[in-house]
Structures are given as C-alpha cells and as structure tokens.
Amino acid sequence: MGLSTHILDTALGRPAVNVPLLLYKLVEGRWLTAGSGHTDADGRCKSLLDDAPLQPLTYKIHFLTETYYAAQSLTGLYPYVEIVFTVADPAQHYHIPLLLTANGYTTYRGS
C-alpha cells in the first residue's frame, strides 16, 4: 500500500512546506538510497518510493529540517531529523508523521 509522511510545524500551527526528504533502506547492514522528495503545500509527501514496492525491511526518512528553518528565518536546534522504522507487513500502509518545532520534534505511526 505504500509509504507517506506529513510534517506539521506545531509552533506555527501549520504544515511544514518544501522540506527535502531522503529515504534509505537497510540492506545487509548498509543504508542504501531508496527515494527522495519534498513536502507539498499541505506538508505531505506521498512519493518517497516512487513506483517501487515497500519491502519488509528497516527504513529511515532523513528530514532536512535546516532548509525549512532557514525559509522561516529561524535557527533550529536540529539540522535534520531521522526517523528509523521497520516494515513488518508491506501490504499495510506506513504513514510516518513528524511534529516539528525549532527546538524539538516527535513522531508516531499514523494512519
């Protein structure tokens, strides 16, 4: 079913737009590039895998938050955020949201 992410700037109360994202998969102990993208006007990215199928592997999304902070004229504490997660059942959809502020972040498994 795929993979998606969503970034909300909780300090500003709106989506984080145009954040660069890199997707990696862990294969035999090495992180390999699996995709890339940017968040859209709603802070979402649904195309990290392009047309590749989700596999039962460990993945990480690398959020280049420094780019976003610079566009907001902010200095953030975290120049990037990485969320590592394991896909147990590739038939399910994996939604990986990021709640972001300049000095903190949190995540959870979304739907």
C-alpha atoms as a PDB file:
ATOM      1  CA  MET A   1       0.000   0.000   0.000  1.00  0.00           C
ATOM      2  CA  GLY A   2       2.961   2.309   0.369  1.00  0.00           C
ATOM      3  CA  LEU A   3       4.655   4.912   2.440  1.00  0.00           C
ATOM      4  CA  SER A   4       3.820   8.525   3.214  1.00  0.00           C
ATOM      5  CA  THR A   5       4.886  11.257   5.607  1.00  0.00           C
ATOM      6  CA  HIS A   6       3.477  14.523   6.865  1.00  0.00           C
ATOM      7  CA  ILE A   7       5.232  17.355   8.726  1.00  0.00           C
ATOM      8  CA  LEU A   8       3.348  19.780  10.925  1.00  0.00           C
ATOM      9  CA  ASP A   9       5.080  22.796  12.436  1.00  0.00           C
ATOM     10  CA  THR A  10       3.376  22.716  15.823  1.00  0.00           C
ATOM     11  CA  ALA A  11       4.845  26.061  16.906  1.00  0.00           C
ATOM     12  CA  LEU A  12       3.289  27.844  13.941  1.00  0.00           C
ATOM     13  CA  GLY A  13       0.216  25.609  13.705  1.00  0.00           C
ATOM     14  CA  ARG A  14       0.613  24.845  10.005  1.00  0.00           C
ATOM     15  CA  PRO A  15       2.174  22.327   7.603  1.00  0.00           C
ATOM     16  CA  ALA A  16       5.927  22.446   7.002  1.00  0.00           C
ATOM     17  CA  VAL A  17       6.191  23.156   3.277  1.00  0.00           C
ATOM     18  CA  ASN A  18       9.027  22.267   0.896  1.00  0.00           C
ATOM     19  CA  VAL A  19      11.106  20.208   3.338  1.00  0.00           C
ATOM     20  CA  PRO A  20      13.598  17.988   1.447  1.00  0.00           C
ATOM     21  CA  LEU A  21      13.379  14.288   2.344  1.00  0.00           C
ATOM     22  CA  LEU A  22      15.638  11.330   1.695  1.00  0.00           C
ATOM     23  CA  LEU A  23      14.560   7.717   2.134  1.00  0.00           C
ATOM     24  CA  TYR A  24      17.017   4.931   2.901  1.00  0.00           C
ATOM     25  CA  LYS A  25      16.618   1.189   3.376  1.00  0.00           C
ATOM     26  CA  LEU A  26      18.877  -1.047   5.448  1.00  0.00           C
ATOM     27  CA  VAL A  27      20.220  -3.929   3.358  1.00  0.00           C
ATOM     28  CA  GLU A  28      22.874  -6.260   4.771  1.00  0.00           C
ATOM     29  CA  GLY A  29      23.985  -3.665   7.318  1.00  0.00           C
ATOM     30  CA  ARG A  30      24.282  -0.781   4.824  1.00  0.00           C
ATOM     31  CA  TRP A  31      21.946   2.179   4.258  1.00  0.00           C
ATOM     32  CA  LEU A  32      21.027   2.362   0.574  1.00  0.00           C
ATOM     33  CA  THR A  33      19.150   5.243  -1.035  1.00  0.00           C
ATOM     34  CA  ALA A  34      15.557   4.262  -1.736  1.00  0.00           C
ATOM     35  CA  GLY A  35      13.980   7.570  -2.727  1.00  0.00           C
ATOM     36  CA  SER A  36      13.657  11.290  -2.190  1.00  0.00           C
ATOM     37  CA  GLY A  37      11.117  14.089  -2.311  1.00  0.00           C
ATOM     38  CA  HIS A  38       9.818  17.301  -0.754  1.00  0.00           C
ATOM     39  CA  THR A  39       6.768  18.073   1.309  1.00  0.00           C
ATOM     40  CA  ASP A  40       3.949  19.733  -0.613  1.00  0.00           C
ATOM     41  CA  ALA A  41       1.747  22.708   0.322  1.00  0.00           C
ATOM     42  CA  ASP A  42      -0.029  20.518   2.884  1.00  0.00           C
ATOM     43  CA  GLY A  43       3.272  19.315   4.410  1.00  0.00           C
ATOM     44  CA  ARG A  44       2.811  15.853   2.882  1.00  0.00           C
ATOM     45  CA  CYS A  45       4.964  13.611   0.728  1.00  0.00           C
ATOM     46  CA  LYS A  46       3.395  10.501  -0.784  1.00  0.00           C
ATOM     47  CA  SER A  47       6.035   9.744  -3.412  1.00  0.00           C
ATOM     48  CA  LEU A  48       9.162   8.752  -1.484  1.00  0.00           C
ATOM     49  CA  LEU A  49       9.191   5.276  -3.009  1.00  0.00           C
ATOM     50  CA  ASP A  50       8.149   6.446  -6.490  1.00  0.00           C
ATOM     51  CA  ASP A  51       6.774   3.241  -8.029  1.00  0.00           C
ATOM     52  CA  ALA A  52       8.970   0.832  -6.030  1.00  0.00           C
ATOM     53  CA  PRO A  53       7.146  -1.562  -3.700  1.00  0.00           C
ATOM     54  CA  LEU A  54       7.523  -1.351   0.057  1.00  0.00           C
ATOM     55  CA  GLN A  55       9.633  -4.257   1.338  1.00  0.00           C
ATOM     56  CA  PRO A  56       9.834  -5.958   4.749  1.00  0.00           C
ATOM     57  CA  LEU A  57      12.974  -4.028   5.755  1.00  0.00           C
ATOM     58  CA  THR A  58      14.136  -1.302   8.096  1.00  0.00           C
ATOM     59  CA  TYR A  59      13.877   2.174   6.559  1.00  0.00           C
ATOM     60  CA  LYS A  60      14.775   5.679   7.631  1.00  0.00           C
ATOM     61  CA  ILE A  61      13.478   9.025   6.486  1.00  0.00           C
ATOM     62  CA  HIS A  62      16.018  11.840   6.660  1.00  0.00           C
ATOM     63  CA  PHE A  63      14.196  15.171   7.026  1.00  0.00           C
ATOM     64  CA  LEU A  64      16.412  18.152   6.076  1.00  0.00           C
ATOM     65  CA  THR A  65      14.848  20.499   8.620  1.00  0.00           C
ATOM     66  CA  GLU A  66      17.623  23.110   8.400  1.00  0.00           C
ATOM     67  CA  THR A  67      16.317  24.071   4.949  1.00  0.00           C
ATOM     68  CA  TYR A  68      12.834  24.576   6.381  1.00  0.00           C
ATOM     69  CA  TYR A  69      14.077  26.637   9.346  1.00  0.00           C
ATOM     70  CA  ALA A  70      16.090  28.896   7.038  1.00  0.00           C
ATOM     71  CA  ALA A  71      12.981  29.563   4.931  1.00  0.00           C
ATOM     72  CA  GLN A  72      11.164  30.566   8.150  1.00  0.00           C
ATOM     73  CA  SER A  73      14.085  32.814   9.248  1.00  0.00           C
ATOM     74  CA  LEU A  74      14.609  30.533  12.250  1.00  0.00           C
ATOM     75  CA  THR A  75      17.616  28.811  13.704  1.00  0.00           C
ATOM     76  CA  GLY A  76      16.634  25.289  14.623  1.00  0.00           C
ATOM     77  CA  LEU A  77      18.378  23.064  17.106  1.00  0.00           C
ATOM     78  CA  TYR A  78      18.212  20.022  14.824  1.00  0.00           C
ATOM     79  CA  PRO A  79      19.628  20.498  11.293  1.00  0.00           C
ATOM     80  CA  TYR A  80      17.995  17.212  10.347  1.00  0.00           C
ATOM     81  CA  VAL A  81      15.731  14.587  11.858  1.00  0.00           C
ATOM     82  CA  GLU A  82      15.951  10.877  11.093  1.00  0.00           C
ATOM     83  CA  ILE A  83      13.110   8.503  11.797  1.00  0.00           C
ATOM     84  CA  VAL A  84      14.016   4.830  11.604  1.00  0.00           C
ATOM     85  CA  PHE A  85      11.188   2.299  11.354  1.00  0.00           C
ATOM     86  CA  THR A  86      10.668  -1.343  10.436  1.00  0.00           C
ATOM     87  CA  VAL A  87       8.163  -2.518   7.865  1.00  0.00           C
ATOM     88  CA  ALA A  88       6.807  -5.830   9.118  1.00  0.00           C
ATOM     89  CA  ASP A  89       3.927  -6.150   6.650  1.00  0.00           C
ATOM     90  CA  PRO A  90       4.448  -4.428   3.286  1.00  0.00           C
ATOM     91  CA  ALA A  91       0.769  -4.979   2.446  1.00  0.00           C
ATOM     92  CA  GLN A  92      -0.067  -2.282   5.024  1.00  0.00           C
ATOM     93  CA  HIS A  93       0.311   1.456   4.537  1.00  0.00           C
ATOM     94  CA  TYR A  94       3.033   3.119   6.638  1.00  0.00           C
ATOM     95  CA  HIS A  95       2.402   6.783   7.432  1.00  0.00           C
ATOM     96  CA  ILE A  96       5.290   8.391   9.334  1.00  0.00           C
ATOM     97  CA  PRO A  97       4.330  11.882  10.601  1.00  0.00           C
ATOM     98  CA  LEU A  98       6.735  14.393  12.103  1.00  0.00           C
ATOM     99  CA  LEU A  99       5.569  17.077  14.542  1.00  0.00           C
ATOM    100  CA  LEU A 100       8.211  19.772  14.451  1.00  0.00           C
ATOM    101  CA  THR A 101       9.322  22.929  16.236  1.00  0.00           C
ATOM    102  CA  ALA A 102      12.664  24.730  16.074  1.00  0.00           C
ATOM    103  CA  ASN A 103      13.695  23.136  19.388  1.00  0.00           C
ATOM    104  CA  GLY A 104      12.005  19.758  19.373  1.00  0.00           C
ATOM    105  CA  TYR A 105      10.163  17.064  17.453  1.00  0.00           C
ATOM    106  CA  THR A 106       8.071  13.959  17.949  1.00  0.00           C
ATOM    107  CA  THR A 107       6.676  11.210  15.753  1.00  0.00           C
ATOM    108  CA  TYR A 108       4.213   8.315  15.821  1.00  0.00           C
ATOM    109  CA  ARG A 109       2.736   5.792  13.419  1.00  0.00           C
ATOM    110  CA  GLY A 110      -0.091   7.497  11.622  1.00  0.00           C
ATOM    111  CA  SER A 111      -2.896   6.072   9.552  1.00  0.00           C
END
